[in-house]
PDB file of N, CA and C in Angstrom:
ATOM      1  N   MET A   1      17.420  13.456 -21.958  1.00  0.00           N
ATOM      2  CA  MET A   1      17.276  14.436 -20.912  1.00  0.00           C
ATOM      3  C   MET A   1      17.262  13.707 -19.562  1.00  0.00           C
ATOM      4  N   PRO A   2      18.049  14.166 -18.570  1.00  0.00           N
ATOM      5  CA  PRO A   2      18.117  13.483 -17.273  1.00  0.00           C
ATOM      6  C   PRO A   2      16.824  13.654 -16.472  1.00  0.00           C
ATOM      7  N   ASN A   3      16.556  12.659 -15.646  1.00  0.00           N
ATOM      8  CA  ASN A   3      15.382  12.686 -14.775  1.00  0.00           C
ATOM      9  C   ASN A   3      15.794  13.306 -13.445  1.00  0.00           C
ATOM     10  N   ILE A   4      15.409  14.543 -13.208  1.00  0.00           N
ATOM     11  CA  ILE A   4      15.765  15.249 -11.976  1.00  0.00           C
ATOM     12  C   ILE A   4      14.545  15.259 -11.068  1.00  0.00           C
ATOM     13  N   GLN A   5      14.712  14.678  -9.882  1.00  0.00           N
ATOM     14  CA  GLN A   5      13.619  14.628  -8.918  1.00  0.00           C
ATOM     15  C   GLN A   5      13.856  15.689  -7.853  1.00  0.00           C
ATOM     16  N   GLU A   6      12.899  16.573  -7.705  1.00  0.00           N
ATOM     17  CA  GLU A   6      13.003  17.621  -6.703  1.00  0.00           C
ATOM     18  C   GLU A   6      12.048  17.325  -5.554  1.00  0.00           C
ATOM     19  N   GLY A   7      12.277  17.972  -4.433  1.00  0.00           N
ATOM     20  CA  GLY A   7      11.387  17.808  -3.292  1.00  0.00           C
ATOM     21  C   GLY A   7      12.117  17.188  -2.114  1.00  0.00           C
ATOM     22  N   VAL A   8      11.422  17.117  -1.012  1.00  0.00           N
ATOM     23  CA  VAL A   8      11.990  16.595   0.226  1.00  0.00           C
ATOM     24  C   VAL A   8      12.087  15.076   0.152  1.00  0.00           C
ATOM     25  N   LYS A   9      13.223  14.539   0.535  1.00  0.00           N
ATOM     26  CA  LYS A   9      13.434  13.092   0.618  1.00  0.00           C
ATOM     27  C   LYS A   9      13.669  12.745   2.090  1.00  0.00           C
ATOM     28  N   LEU A  10      12.967  11.749   2.600  1.00  0.00           N
ATOM     29  CA  LEU A  10      13.090  11.361   4.001  1.00  0.00           C
ATOM     30  C   LEU A  10      13.698   9.975   4.117  1.00  0.00           C
ATOM     31  N   ASP A  11      14.455   9.773   5.188  1.00  0.00           N
ATOM     32  CA  ASP A  11      15.071   8.492   5.505  1.00  0.00           C
ATOM     33  C   ASP A  11      14.593   8.095   6.900  1.00  0.00           C
ATOM     34  N   PHE A  12      14.952   6.912   7.369  1.00  0.00           N
ATOM     35  CA  PHE A  12      14.521   6.465   8.686  1.00  0.00           C
ATOM     36  C   PHE A  12      15.022   7.385   9.798  1.00  0.00           C
ATOM     37  N   LYS A  13      16.183   8.006   9.634  1.00  0.00           N
ATOM     38  CA  LYS A  13      16.703   8.909  10.659  1.00  0.00           C
ATOM     39  C   LYS A  13      15.945  10.233  10.699  1.00  0.00           C
ATOM     40  N   ASP A  14      15.147  10.520   9.678  1.00  0.00           N
ATOM     41  CA  ASP A  14      14.395  11.771   9.597  1.00  0.00           C
ATOM     42  C   ASP A  14      12.977  11.661  10.154  1.00  0.00           C
ATOM     43  N   VAL A  15      12.518  10.451  10.448  1.00  0.00           N
ATOM     44  CA  VAL A  15      11.132  10.233  10.867  1.00  0.00           C
ATOM     45  C   VAL A  15      11.128   9.602  12.252  1.00  0.00           C
ATOM     46  N   LEU A  16      10.285  10.135  13.137  1.00  0.00           N
ATOM     47  CA  LEU A  16      10.162   9.594  14.489  1.00  0.00           C
ATOM     48  C   LEU A  16       8.725   9.157  14.730  1.00  0.00           C
ATOM     49  N   LEU A  17       8.548   7.908  15.111  1.00  0.00           N
ATOM     50  CA  LEU A  17       7.235   7.405  15.512  1.00  0.00           C
ATOM     51  C   LEU A  17       7.170   7.452  17.031  1.00  0.00           C
ATOM     52  N   ARG A  18       6.265   8.251  17.552  1.00  0.00           N
ATOM     53  CA  ARG A  18       6.168   8.404  18.997  1.00  0.00           C
ATOM     54  C   ARG A  18       5.469   7.203  19.618  1.00  0.00           C
ATOM     55  N   PRO A  19       6.040   6.636  20.672  1.00  0.00           N
ATOM     56  CA  PRO A  19       5.386   5.514  21.342  1.00  0.00           C
ATOM     57  C   PRO A  19       4.113   5.979  22.050  1.00  0.00           C
ATOM     58  N   LYS A  20       3.199   5.058  22.250  1.00  0.00           N
ATOM     59  CA  LYS A  20       1.928   5.374  22.889  1.00  0.00           C
ATOM     60  C   LYS A  20       1.661   4.349  23.986  1.00  0.00           C
ATOM     61  N   ARG A  21       1.012   4.764  25.032  1.00  0.00           N
ATOM     62  CA  ARG A  21       0.654   3.847  26.117  1.00  0.00           C
ATOM     63  C   ARG A  21      -0.315   2.788  25.611  1.00  0.00           C
ATOM     64  N   SER A  22      -0.218   1.615  26.198  1.00  0.00           N
ATOM     65  CA  SER A  22      -1.063   0.512  25.770  1.00  0.00           C
ATOM     66  C   SER A  22      -1.494  -0.309  26.978  1.00  0.00           C
ATOM     67  N   THR A  23      -2.599  -1.012  26.814  1.00  0.00           N
ATOM     68  CA  THR A  23      -3.073  -1.893  27.884  1.00  0.00           C
ATOM     69  C   THR A  23      -2.518  -3.307  27.732  1.00  0.00           C
ATOM     70  N   LEU A  24      -1.763  -3.562  26.665  1.00  0.00           N
ATOM     71  CA  LEU A  24      -1.192  -4.894  26.454  1.00  0.00           C
ATOM     72  C   LEU A  24      -0.064  -5.146  27.445  1.00  0.00           C
ATOM     73  N   ARG A  25       0.036  -6.372  27.907  1.00  0.00           N
ATOM     74  CA  ARG A  25       1.093  -6.722  28.852  1.00  0.00           C
ATOM     75  C   ARG A  25       2.402  -7.061  28.145  1.00  0.00           C
ATOM     76  N   SER A  26       2.306  -7.551  26.907  1.00  0.00           N
ATOM     77  CA  SER A  26       3.495  -7.992  26.184  1.00  0.00           C
ATOM     78  C   SER A  26       3.312  -7.737  24.695  1.00  0.00           C
ATOM     79  N   ARG A  27       4.420  -7.608  23.978  1.00  0.00           N
ATOM     80  CA  ARG A  27       4.346  -7.451  22.526  1.00  0.00           C
ATOM     81  C   ARG A  27       3.802  -8.704  21.859  1.00  0.00           C
ATOM     82  N   SER A  28       3.910  -9.843  22.516  1.00  0.00           N
ATOM     83  CA  SER A  28       3.387 -11.085  21.936  1.00  0.00           C
ATOM     84  C   SER A  28       1.853 -11.123  21.962  1.00  0.00           C
ATOM     85  N   ASP A  29       1.210 -10.215  22.702  1.00  0.00           N
ATOM     86  CA  ASP A  29      -0.250 -10.144  22.745  1.00  0.00           C
ATOM     87  C   ASP A  29      -0.847  -9.418  21.537  1.00  0.00           C
ATOM     88  N   VAL A  30      -0.017  -8.810  20.708  1.00  0.00           N
ATOM     89  CA  VAL A  30      -0.491  -8.030  19.562  1.00  0.00           C
ATOM     90  C   VAL A  30      -0.956  -8.963  18.452  1.00  0.00           C
ATOM     91  N   ASP A  31      -2.110  -8.656  17.866  1.00  0.00           N
ATOM     92  CA  ASP A  31      -2.635  -9.415  16.733  1.00  0.00           C
ATOM     93  C   ASP A  31      -2.618  -8.510  15.508  1.00  0.00           C
ATOM     94  N   LEU A  32      -1.759  -8.820  14.533  1.00  0.00           N
ATOM     95  CA  LEU A  32      -1.618  -8.006  13.330  1.00  0.00           C
ATOM     96  C   LEU A  32      -2.501  -8.481  12.185  1.00  0.00           C
ATOM     97  N   ASN A  33      -3.192  -9.584  12.348  1.00  0.00           N
ATOM     98  CA  ASN A  33      -4.044 -10.114  11.278  1.00  0.00           C
ATOM     99  C   ASN A  33      -5.219  -9.186  11.003  1.00  0.00           C
ATOM    100  N   ARG A  34      -5.483  -8.980   9.731  1.00  0.00           N
ATOM    101  CA  ARG A  34      -6.616  -8.174   9.274  1.00  0.00           C
ATOM    102  C   ARG A  34      -7.363  -8.946   8.200  1.00  0.00           C
ATOM    103  N   THR A  35      -8.656  -8.740   8.124  1.00  0.00           N
ATOM    104  CA  THR A  35      -9.468  -9.386   7.095  1.00  0.00           C
ATOM    105  C   THR A  35      -9.889  -8.341   6.077  1.00  0.00           C
ATOM    106  N   TYR A  36      -9.620  -8.630   4.805  1.00  0.00           N
ATOM    107  CA  TYR A  36      -9.989  -7.745   3.706  1.00  0.00           C
ATOM    108  C   TYR A  36     -11.024  -8.442   2.840  1.00  0.00           C
ATOM    109  N   HIS A  37     -12.085  -7.729   2.510  1.00  0.00           N
ATOM    110  CA  HIS A  37     -13.135  -8.231   1.626  1.00  0.00           C
ATOM    111  C   HIS A  37     -13.012  -7.484   0.302  1.00  0.00           C
ATOM    112  N   PHE A  38     -12.883  -8.217  -0.793  1.00  0.00           N
ATOM    113  CA  PHE A  38     -12.780  -7.616  -2.115  1.00  0.00           C
ATOM    114  C   PHE A  38     -14.167  -7.588  -2.737  1.00  0.00           C
ATOM    115  N   LYS A  39     -14.672  -6.382  -2.959  1.00  0.00           N
ATOM    116  CA  LYS A  39     -16.065  -6.182  -3.379  1.00  0.00           C
ATOM    117  C   LYS A  39     -16.429  -6.936  -4.646  1.00  0.00           C
ATOM    118  N   ARG A  40     -15.680  -6.736  -5.695  1.00  0.00           N
ATOM    119  CA  ARG A  40     -16.093  -7.233  -6.998  1.00  0.00           C
ATOM    120  C   ARG A  40     -15.854  -8.734  -7.189  1.00  0.00           C
ATOM    121  N   SER A  41     -14.837  -9.278  -6.539  1.00  0.00           N
ATOM    122  CA  SER A  41     -14.542 -10.698  -6.735  1.00  0.00           C
ATOM    123  C   SER A  41     -15.213 -11.589  -5.692  1.00  0.00           C
ATOM    124  N   GLY A  42     -15.580 -11.009  -4.553  1.00  0.00           N
ATOM    125  CA  GLY A  42     -16.179 -11.809  -3.499  1.00  0.00           C
ATOM    126  C   GLY A  42     -15.155 -12.563  -2.666  1.00  0.00           C
ATOM    127  N   HIS A  43     -13.875 -12.408  -2.978  1.00  0.00           N
ATOM    128  CA  HIS A  43     -12.831 -13.084  -2.215  1.00  0.00           C
ATOM    129  C   HIS A  43     -12.586 -12.361  -0.896  1.00  0.00           C
ATOM    130  N   GLU A  44     -11.976 -13.101   0.006  1.00  0.00           N
ATOM    131  CA  GLU A  44     -11.638 -12.566   1.315  1.00  0.00           C
ATOM    132  C   GLU A  44     -10.205 -12.972   1.643  1.00  0.00           C
ATOM    133  N   TYR A  45      -9.435 -12.056   2.217  1.00  0.00           N
ATOM    134  CA  TYR A  45      -8.048 -12.341   2.603  1.00  0.00           C
ATOM    135  C   TYR A  45      -7.880 -12.013   4.075  1.00  0.00           C
ATOM    136  N   THR A  46      -7.314 -12.937   4.828  1.00  0.00           N
ATOM    137  CA  THR A  46      -6.970 -12.699   6.220  1.00  0.00           C
ATOM    138  C   THR A  46      -5.482 -12.952   6.379  1.00  0.00           C
ATOM    139  N   GLY A  47      -4.768 -11.961   6.848  1.00  0.00           N
ATOM    140  CA  GLY A  47      -3.329 -12.091   7.030  1.00  0.00           C
ATOM    141  C   GLY A  47      -2.739 -10.789   7.527  1.00  0.00           C
ATOM    142  N   ILE A  48      -1.418 -10.727   7.498  1.00  0.00           N
ATOM    143  CA  ILE A  48      -0.700  -9.543   7.946  1.00  0.00           C
ATOM    144  C   ILE A  48      -0.367  -8.690   6.731  1.00  0.00           C
ATOM    145  N   PRO A  49      -0.901  -7.469   6.648  1.00  0.00           N
ATOM    146  CA  PRO A  49      -0.622  -6.618   5.489  1.00  0.00           C
ATOM    147  C   PRO A  49       0.796  -6.061   5.552  1.00  0.00           C
ATOM    148  N   LEU A  50       1.498  -6.117   4.431  1.00  0.00           N
ATOM    149  CA  LEU A  50       2.841  -5.551   4.326  1.00  0.00           C
ATOM    150  C   LEU A  50       2.856  -4.569   3.174  1.00  0.00           C
ATOM    151  N   ILE A  51       3.484  -3.426   3.385  1.00  0.00           N
ATOM    152  CA  ILE A  51       3.607  -2.409   2.350  1.00  0.00           C
ATOM    153  C   ILE A  51       5.061  -1.984   2.297  1.00  0.00           C
ATOM    154  N   ALA A  52       5.629  -1.921   1.097  1.00  0.00           N
ATOM    155  CA  ALA A  52       7.006  -1.460   0.941  1.00  0.00           C
ATOM    156  C   ALA A  52       7.090   0.012   1.315  1.00  0.00           C
ATOM    157  N   ALA A  53       8.180   0.395   1.972  1.00  0.00           N
ATOM    158  CA  ALA A  53       8.381   1.787   2.368  1.00  0.00           C
ATOM    159  C   ALA A  53       8.509   2.669   1.138  1.00  0.00           C
ATOM    160  N   ASN A  54       7.829   3.791   1.144  1.00  0.00           N
ATOM    161  CA  ASN A  54       7.873   4.731   0.036  1.00  0.00           C
ATOM    162  C   ASN A  54       9.015   5.727   0.267  1.00  0.00           C
ATOM    163  N   MET A  55      10.247   5.218   0.303  1.00  0.00           N
ATOM    164  CA  MET A  55      11.421   6.055   0.511  1.00  0.00           C
ATOM    165  C   MET A  55      12.477   5.667  -0.512  1.00  0.00           C
ATOM    166  N   ASP A  56      13.314   6.618  -0.881  1.00  0.00           N
ATOM    167  CA  ASP A  56      14.392   6.337  -1.831  1.00  0.00           C
ATOM    168  C   ASP A  56      15.349   5.302  -1.248  1.00  0.00           C
ATOM    169  N   THR A  57      15.767   4.368  -2.041  1.00  0.00           N
ATOM    170  CA  THR A  57      16.759   3.330  -1.725  1.00  0.00           C
ATOM    171  C   THR A  57      16.351   2.425  -0.563  1.00  0.00           C
ATOM    172  N   ILE A  58      15.069   2.284  -0.274  1.00  0.00           N
ATOM    173  CA  ILE A  58      14.601   1.397   0.793  1.00  0.00           C
ATOM    174  C   ILE A  58      13.744   0.304   0.161  1.00  0.00           C
ATOM    175  N   GLY A  59      13.973  -0.933   0.532  1.00  0.00           N
ATOM    176  CA  GLY A  59      13.189  -2.049   0.010  1.00  0.00           C
ATOM    177  C   GLY A  59      13.808  -2.640  -1.242  1.00  0.00           C
ATOM    178  N   THR A  60      13.514  -3.891  -1.494  1.00  0.00           N
ATOM    179  CA  THR A  60      14.012  -4.566  -2.691  1.00  0.00           C
ATOM    180  C   THR A  60      12.857  -5.264  -3.376  1.00  0.00           C
ATOM    181  N   PHE A  61      12.928  -5.340  -4.687  1.00  0.00           N
ATOM    182  CA  PHE A  61      11.897  -6.012  -5.468  1.00  0.00           C
ATOM    183  C   PHE A  61      12.524  -7.007  -6.391  1.00  0.00           C
TER     184      PHE A  61
END
């Protein structure tokens, strides 16, 4: 039996991120590093979080 997926599918041309005013003078002033604390293991991670886009045919694994 074929797998038929129904529902709205969005692509980059369908989504608009509105710019917002900022007090930063340059894009190089942005700090993307975040610190994550893992409760059960006691480990800590500091870095730039990356998440694959949840869109059809976007991203490679």
